[in-house]
Amino acid sequence: MDVTLHLAQDPAADALLGRSALAALTGMLLDQQIPMEWAFKGPRTIADRLGTDDLDAHEIAAMDPEAFAALLSEKPAVHRYPGSMAKRIQQLCQYLVEHYDGDAEAVWRGVDGGAALLRRLEDLPGFGKQKAQIFLALLGKRLGVAPEGWREAAGAYGEPESFRSVADITGPDSLAKVRAHKQETKAAAKAAKAAKR
């Protein structure tokens, strides 16, 4: 894995995401209730605080939970909810150690089809169906992992030029389009909720 991503809009953070499967999974895990650039900058911040060039599933899985939570809580915090996200990251790393010997890329290496890959992603702690579909679309659109049927398995997120998620971000312009789509979706949901009252 060695591609150029533009999710954090920060060269060092994006470089790590493009070369490290665990960093990409961790960024995706962090991508909730905070701006996506902040979420995808998180893996680089964690690596810096650990004094390493990359994230290591074995190391993170074995860390003292309180020490890891404190690391994520340092100012500026890695997430709005650093304690709960530290727990989720450790659960993800523990799962990867148990099922893939700590090799995050093994989640998709040699997988037989998009539906099988979606199931593997949904099995990861912290990855529901939507998050798994978005990450599958990111793999297919940006990371060159495109098993047969991946677009169908990714649902609407797999559509070309859809500007629905992080999978569609290639720079500042596409980031603005994805952000606009998310705001439209939120506004429509809010309007539909108000109409039901």
C-alpha atoms as a PDB file:
ATOM      1  CA  MET A   1       0.000   0.000   0.000  1.00  0.00           C
ATOM      2  CA  ASP A   2       1.614   3.234  -1.063  1.00  0.00           C
ATOM      3  CA  VAL A   3      -0.702   5.847  -2.545  1.00  0.00           C
ATOM      4  CA  THR A   4      -1.327   9.531  -2.032  1.00  0.00           C
ATOM      5  CA  LEU A   5      -4.469  10.322  -0.064  1.00  0.00           C
ATOM      6  CA  HIS A   6      -5.853  13.758   0.777  1.00  0.00           C
ATOM      7  CA  LEU A   7      -8.158  12.983   3.673  1.00  0.00           C
ATOM      8  CA  ALA A   8      -6.416  14.875   6.479  1.00  0.00           C
ATOM      9  CA  GLN A   9      -5.387  17.762   4.194  1.00  0.00           C
ATOM     10  CA  ASP A  10      -2.013  17.508   5.960  1.00  0.00           C
ATOM     11  CA  PRO A  11       0.945  16.046   3.985  1.00  0.00           C
ATOM     12  CA  ALA A  12       2.502  13.994   6.826  1.00  0.00           C
ATOM     13  CA  ALA A  13      -0.850  12.627   8.001  1.00  0.00           C
ATOM     14  CA  ASP A  14      -1.977  11.821   4.454  1.00  0.00           C
ATOM     15  CA  ALA A  15       1.345  10.110   3.666  1.00  0.00           C
ATOM     16  CA  LEU A  16       0.875   7.786   6.656  1.00  0.00           C
ATOM     17  CA  LEU A  17      -2.719   6.994   5.608  1.00  0.00           C
ATOM     18  CA  GLY A  18      -1.516   6.147   2.101  1.00  0.00           C
ATOM     19  CA  ARG A  19       1.157   3.693   3.212  1.00  0.00           C
ATOM     20  CA  SER A  20      -0.308   2.166   6.379  1.00  0.00           C
ATOM     21  CA  ALA A  21      -3.382  -0.061   6.370  1.00  0.00           C
ATOM     22  CA  LEU A  22      -3.728   0.268  10.157  1.00  0.00           C
ATOM     23  CA  ALA A  23      -3.546   4.066   9.957  1.00  0.00           C
ATOM     24  CA  ALA A  24      -6.294   4.102   7.299  1.00  0.00           C
ATOM     25  CA  LEU A  25      -8.528   1.806   9.386  1.00  0.00           C
ATOM     26  CA  THR A  26      -7.865   3.897  12.507  1.00  0.00           C
ATOM     27  CA  GLY A  27      -8.708   7.134  10.675  1.00  0.00           C
ATOM     28  CA  MET A  28     -11.966   5.582   9.476  1.00  0.00           C
ATOM     29  CA  LEU A  29     -12.756   4.449  13.013  1.00  0.00           C
ATOM     30  CA  LEU A  30     -12.156   7.990  14.334  1.00  0.00           C
ATOM     31  CA  ASP A  31     -14.362   9.521  11.604  1.00  0.00           C
ATOM     32  CA  GLN A  32     -17.486  10.227  13.621  1.00  0.00           C
ATOM     33  CA  GLN A  33     -18.724  13.313  15.475  1.00  0.00           C
ATOM     34  CA  ILE A  34     -15.673  15.351  14.436  1.00  0.00           C
ATOM     35  CA  PRO A  35     -14.550  16.935  11.142  1.00  0.00           C
ATOM     36  CA  MET A  36     -13.137  14.272   8.818  1.00  0.00           C
ATOM     37  CA  GLU A  37      -9.768  16.027   8.466  1.00  0.00           C
ATOM     38  CA  TRP A  38      -9.364  15.906  12.252  1.00  0.00           C
ATOM     39  CA  ALA A  39     -10.291  12.203  12.280  1.00  0.00           C
ATOM     40  CA  PHE A  40      -7.833  11.258   9.537  1.00  0.00           C
ATOM     41  CA  LYS A  41      -5.051  13.329  11.098  1.00  0.00           C
ATOM     42  CA  GLY A  42      -5.488  11.219  14.262  1.00  0.00           C
ATOM     43  CA  PRO A  43      -3.307   8.257  13.227  1.00  0.00           C
ATOM     44  CA  ARG A  44      -0.313  10.543  12.538  1.00  0.00           C
ATOM     45  CA  THR A  45      -0.834  12.265  15.909  1.00  0.00           C
ATOM     46  CA  ILE A  46      -0.971   8.884  17.681  1.00  0.00           C
ATOM     47  CA  ALA A  47       2.192   7.674  15.890  1.00  0.00           C
ATOM     48  CA  ASP A  48       4.013  10.910  16.784  1.00  0.00           C
ATOM     49  CA  ARG A  49       3.025  10.582  20.439  1.00  0.00           C
ATOM     50  CA  LEU A  50       4.200   6.956  20.436  1.00  0.00           C
ATOM     51  CA  GLY A  51       7.487   8.107  18.888  1.00  0.00           C
ATOM     52  CA  THR A  52       7.088   5.900  15.804  1.00  0.00           C
ATOM     53  CA  ASP A  53       6.710   6.293  12.025  1.00  0.00           C
ATOM     54  CA  ASP A  54       3.695   3.980  11.862  1.00  0.00           C
ATOM     55  CA  LEU A  55       1.053   2.362  14.045  1.00  0.00           C
ATOM     56  CA  ASP A  56       1.652  -1.177  15.283  1.00  0.00           C
ATOM     57  CA  ALA A  57      -1.392  -3.279  16.172  1.00  0.00           C
ATOM     58  CA  HIS A  58       0.589  -5.500  18.584  1.00  0.00           C
ATOM     59  CA  GLU A  59       1.982  -2.478  20.455  1.00  0.00           C
ATOM     60  CA  ILE A  60      -1.371  -0.660  20.717  1.00  0.00           C
ATOM     61  CA  ALA A  61      -3.277  -3.835  21.672  1.00  0.00           C
ATOM     62  CA  ALA A  62      -0.828  -4.512  24.527  1.00  0.00           C
ATOM     63  CA  MET A  63      -0.728  -0.963  25.934  1.00  0.00           C
ATOM     64  CA  ASP A  64      -2.196  -0.138  29.316  1.00  0.00           C
ATOM     65  CA  PRO A  65      -5.702   1.175  28.514  1.00  0.00           C
ATOM     66  CA  GLU A  66      -5.349   4.181  30.842  1.00  0.00           C
ATOM     67  CA  ALA A  67      -1.973   5.119  29.358  1.00  0.00           C
ATOM     68  CA  PHE A  68      -3.362   4.854  25.805  1.00  0.00           C
ATOM     69  CA  ALA A  69      -6.421   6.934  26.733  1.00  0.00           C
ATOM     70  CA  ALA A  70      -4.107   9.556  28.272  1.00  0.00           C
ATOM     71  CA  LEU A  71      -2.050   9.610  25.053  1.00  0.00           C
ATOM     72  CA  LEU A  72      -5.195  10.370  23.004  1.00  0.00           C
ATOM     73  CA  SER A  73      -6.355  12.944  25.558  1.00  0.00           C
ATOM     74  CA  GLU A  74      -3.181  15.084  25.417  1.00  0.00           C
ATOM     75  CA  LYS A  75      -3.866  18.565  24.043  1.00  0.00           C
ATOM     76  CA  PRO A  76      -4.894  18.790  21.300  1.00  0.00           C
ATOM     77  CA  ALA A  77      -6.995  15.669  21.862  1.00  0.00           C
ATOM     78  CA  VAL A  78      -7.131  13.164  19.014  1.00  0.00           C
ATOM     79  CA  HIS A  79     -10.958  13.077  19.209  1.00  0.00           C
ATOM     80  CA  ARG A  80     -13.817  14.841  20.958  1.00  0.00           C
ATOM     81  CA  TYR A  81     -14.228  11.624  23.004  1.00  0.00           C
ATOM     82  CA  PRO A  82     -10.612  10.487  23.452  1.00  0.00           C
ATOM     83  CA  GLY A  83     -11.314   7.930  26.194  1.00  0.00           C
ATOM     84  CA  SER A  84     -13.982   5.985  24.328  1.00  0.00           C
ATOM     85  CA  MET A  85     -12.071   6.224  21.028  1.00  0.00           C
ATOM     86  CA  ALA A  86      -8.880   4.957  22.706  1.00  0.00           C
ATOM     87  CA  LYS A  87     -10.866   1.917  23.855  1.00  0.00           C
ATOM     88  CA  ARG A  88     -12.243   1.364  20.331  1.00  0.00           C
ATOM     89  CA  ILE A  89      -8.804   1.657  18.713  1.00  0.00           C
ATOM     90  CA  GLN A  90      -7.401  -0.875  21.178  1.00  0.00           C
ATOM     91  CA  GLN A  91     -10.328  -3.238  20.500  1.00  0.00           C
ATOM     92  CA  LEU A  92      -9.658  -2.904  16.753  1.00  0.00           C
ATOM     93  CA  CYS A  93      -5.951  -3.652  17.257  1.00  0.00           C
ATOM     94  CA  GLN A  94      -6.698  -6.598  19.554  1.00  0.00           C
ATOM     95  CA  TYR A  95      -9.055  -8.015  16.909  1.00  0.00           C
ATOM     96  CA  LEU A  96      -6.400  -7.567  14.208  1.00  0.00           C
ATOM     97  CA  VAL A  97      -3.793  -9.319  16.385  1.00  0.00           C
ATOM     98  CA  GLU A  98      -6.173 -12.193  17.141  1.00  0.00           C
ATOM     99  CA  HIS A  99      -7.520 -12.709  13.603  1.00  0.00           C
ATOM    100  CA  TYR A 100      -4.791 -11.345  11.286  1.00  0.00           C
ATOM    101  CA  ASP A 101      -1.592 -11.534  13.377  1.00  0.00           C
ATOM    102  CA  GLY A 102      -1.674  -7.726  13.605  1.00  0.00           C
ATOM    103  CA  ASP A 103      -1.493  -7.261   9.815  1.00  0.00           C
ATOM    104  CA  ALA A 104      -4.300  -4.812   8.959  1.00  0.00           C
ATOM    105  CA  GLU A 105      -3.750  -5.207   5.222  1.00  0.00           C
ATOM    106  CA  ALA A 106      -4.580  -8.923   5.576  1.00  0.00           C
ATOM    107  CA  VAL A 107      -8.217  -7.874   6.094  1.00  0.00           C
ATOM    108  CA  TRP A 108      -8.433  -7.306   2.327  1.00  0.00           C
ATOM    109  CA  ARG A 109      -5.415  -9.137   0.912  1.00  0.00           C
ATOM    110  CA  GLY A 110      -6.547 -11.987  -1.351  1.00  0.00           C
ATOM    111  CA  VAL A 111     -10.209 -11.585  -0.435  1.00  0.00           C
ATOM    112  CA  ASP A 112     -12.659 -13.365  -2.727  1.00  0.00           C
ATOM    113  CA  GLY A 113     -15.076 -10.659  -3.908  1.00  0.00           C
ATOM    114  CA  GLY A 114     -16.631  -7.441  -2.671  1.00  0.00           C
ATOM    115  CA  ALA A 115     -19.335  -9.091  -0.556  1.00  0.00           C
ATOM    116  CA  ALA A 116     -16.728 -11.139   1.340  1.00  0.00           C
ATOM    117  CA  LEU A 117     -14.621  -8.033   1.923  1.00  0.00           C
ATOM    118  CA  LEU A 118     -17.644  -6.116   3.202  1.00  0.00           C
ATOM    119  CA  ARG A 119     -18.319  -8.943   5.701  1.00  0.00           C
ATOM    120  CA  ARG A 120     -14.693  -8.832   6.897  1.00  0.00           C
ATOM    121  CA  LEU A 121     -14.911  -5.059   7.385  1.00  0.00           C
ATOM    122  CA  GLU A 122     -18.246  -5.331   9.218  1.00  0.00           C
ATOM    123  CA  ASP A 123     -16.614  -7.851  11.590  1.00  0.00           C
ATOM    124  CA  LEU A 124     -14.075  -5.216  12.714  1.00  0.00           C
ATOM    125  CA  PRO A 125     -14.869  -3.627  16.101  1.00  0.00           C
ATOM    126  CA  GLY A 126     -16.395  -0.173  15.597  1.00  0.00           C
ATOM    127  CA  PHE A 127     -17.335  -0.803  11.947  1.00  0.00           C
ATOM    128  CA  GLY A 128     -21.068  -0.939  11.282  1.00  0.00           C
ATOM    129  CA  LYS A 129     -22.472  -1.491   7.789  1.00  0.00           C
ATOM    130  CA  GLN A 130     -22.225   2.160   6.677  1.00  0.00           C
ATOM    131  CA  LYS A 131     -18.654   2.631   7.918  1.00  0.00           C
ATOM    132  CA  ALA A 132     -17.674  -0.690   6.317  1.00  0.00           C
ATOM    133  CA  GLN A 133     -19.236   0.349   2.991  1.00  0.00           C
ATOM    134  CA  ILE A 134     -17.471   3.720   3.051  1.00  0.00           C
ATOM    135  CA  PHE A 135     -14.121   2.062   3.807  1.00  0.00           C
ATOM    136  CA  LEU A 136     -14.734  -0.503   1.064  1.00  0.00           C
ATOM    137  CA  ALA A 137     -15.356   2.392  -1.352  1.00  0.00           C
ATOM    138  CA  LEU A 138     -12.127   4.051  -0.143  1.00  0.00           C
ATOM    139  CA  LEU A 139     -10.234   0.809  -0.813  1.00  0.00           C
ATOM    140  CA  GLY A 140     -11.709   0.503  -4.294  1.00  0.00           C
ATOM    141  CA  LYS A 141     -11.531   4.132  -5.379  1.00  0.00           C
ATOM    142  CA  ARG A 142      -8.270   5.288  -3.780  1.00  0.00           C
ATOM    143  CA  LEU A 143      -6.210   2.310  -2.607  1.00  0.00           C
ATOM    144  CA  GLY A 144      -6.404   0.001  -5.612  1.00  0.00           C
ATOM    145  CA  VAL A 145      -8.154  -2.802  -3.714  1.00  0.00           C
ATOM    146  CA  ALA A 146     -10.950  -3.671  -6.125  1.00  0.00           C
ATOM    147  CA  PRO A 147     -12.148  -7.277  -5.835  1.00  0.00           C
ATOM    148  CA  GLU A 148     -14.971  -8.284  -8.149  1.00  0.00           C
ATOM    149  CA  GLY A 149     -18.283  -6.787  -7.003  1.00  0.00           C
ATOM    150  CA  TRP A 150     -16.749  -4.164  -4.719  1.00  0.00           C
ATOM    151  CA  ARG A 151     -18.868  -1.298  -6.074  1.00  0.00           C
ATOM    152  CA  GLU A 152     -22.087  -3.246  -5.502  1.00  0.00           C
ATOM    153  CA  ALA A 153     -21.010  -4.221  -1.985  1.00  0.00           C
ATOM    154  CA  ALA A 154     -20.142  -0.588  -1.200  1.00  0.00           C
ATOM    155  CA  GLY A 155     -23.658   0.502  -2.217  1.00  0.00           C
ATOM    156  CA  ALA A 156     -24.120   4.176  -3.089  1.00  0.00           C
ATOM    157  CA  TYR A 157     -20.597   4.896  -1.776  1.00  0.00           C
ATOM    158  CA  GLY A 158     -19.172   2.803  -4.629  1.00  0.00           C
ATOM    159  CA  GLU A 159     -20.765   4.944  -7.337  1.00  0.00           C
ATOM    160  CA  PRO A 160     -18.197   6.811  -9.463  1.00  0.00           C
ATOM    161  CA  GLU A 161     -17.972  10.578  -8.866  1.00  0.00           C
ATOM    162  CA  SER A 162     -20.650  10.443  -6.173  1.00  0.00           C
ATOM    163  CA  PHE A 163     -19.003  12.833  -3.652  1.00  0.00           C
ATOM    164  CA  ARG A 164     -20.739  11.097  -0.735  1.00  0.00           C
ATOM    165  CA  SER A 165     -17.843  10.186   1.543  1.00  0.00           C
ATOM    166  CA  VAL A 166     -14.107  10.213   2.258  1.00  0.00           C
ATOM    167  CA  ALA A 167     -13.757   7.696  -0.582  1.00  0.00           C
ATOM    168  CA  ASP A 168     -14.430  10.538  -3.051  1.00  0.00           C
ATOM    169  CA  ILE A 169     -11.888  13.032  -1.689  1.00  0.00           C
ATOM    170  CA  THR A 170      -8.895  13.761  -3.920  1.00  0.00           C
ATOM    171  CA  GLY A 171      -8.180  17.324  -2.757  1.00  0.00           C
ATOM    172  CA  PRO A 172      -9.773  20.543  -1.463  1.00  0.00           C
ATOM    173  CA  ASP A 173     -12.390  20.788  -4.270  1.00  0.00           C
ATOM    174  CA  SER A 174     -13.760  17.280  -3.798  1.00  0.00           C
ATOM    175  CA  LEU A 175     -13.621  17.749  -0.002  1.00  0.00           C
ATOM    176  CA  ALA A 176     -15.902  20.786  -0.399  1.00  0.00           C
ATOM    177  CA  LYS A 177     -18.299  18.727  -2.562  1.00  0.00           C
ATOM    178  CA  VAL A 178     -18.406  15.882  -0.031  1.00  0.00           C
ATOM    179  CA  ARG A 179     -18.989  18.360   2.790  1.00  0.00           C
ATOM    180  CA  ALA A 180     -21.825  20.008   0.800  1.00  0.00           C
ATOM    181  CA  HIS A 181     -23.415  16.592   0.155  1.00  0.00           C
ATOM    182  CA  LYS A 182     -23.267  15.742   3.869  1.00  0.00           C
ATOM    183  CA  GLN A 183     -24.895  19.078   4.773  1.00  0.00           C
ATOM    184  CA  GLU A 184     -27.663  18.509   2.196  1.00  0.00           C
ATOM    185  CA  THR A 185     -28.276  15.015   3.580  1.00  0.00           C
ATOM    186  CA  LYS A 186     -28.465  16.345   7.163  1.00  0.00           C
ATOM    187  CA  ALA A 187     -30.832  19.158   6.133  1.00  0.00           C
ATOM    188  CA  ALA A 188     -33.100  16.690   4.284  1.00  0.00           C
ATOM    189  CA  ALA A 189     -33.184  14.360   7.299  1.00  0.00           C
ATOM    190  CA  LYS A 190     -33.970  17.289   9.604  1.00  0.00           C
ATOM    191  CA  ALA A 191     -36.784  18.467   7.283  1.00  0.00           C
ATOM    192  CA  ALA A 192     -38.233  14.941   7.084  1.00  0.00           C
ATOM    193  CA  LYS A 193     -38.164  14.656  10.883  1.00  0.00           C
ATOM    194  CA  ALA A 194     -39.879  18.046  11.253  1.00  0.00           C
ATOM    195  CA  ALA A 195     -42.556  17.019   8.711  1.00  0.00           C
ATOM    196  CA  LYS A 196     -43.430  13.945  10.802  1.00  0.00           C
ATOM    197  CA  ARG A 197     -44.260  16.056  13.853  1.00  0.00           C
END
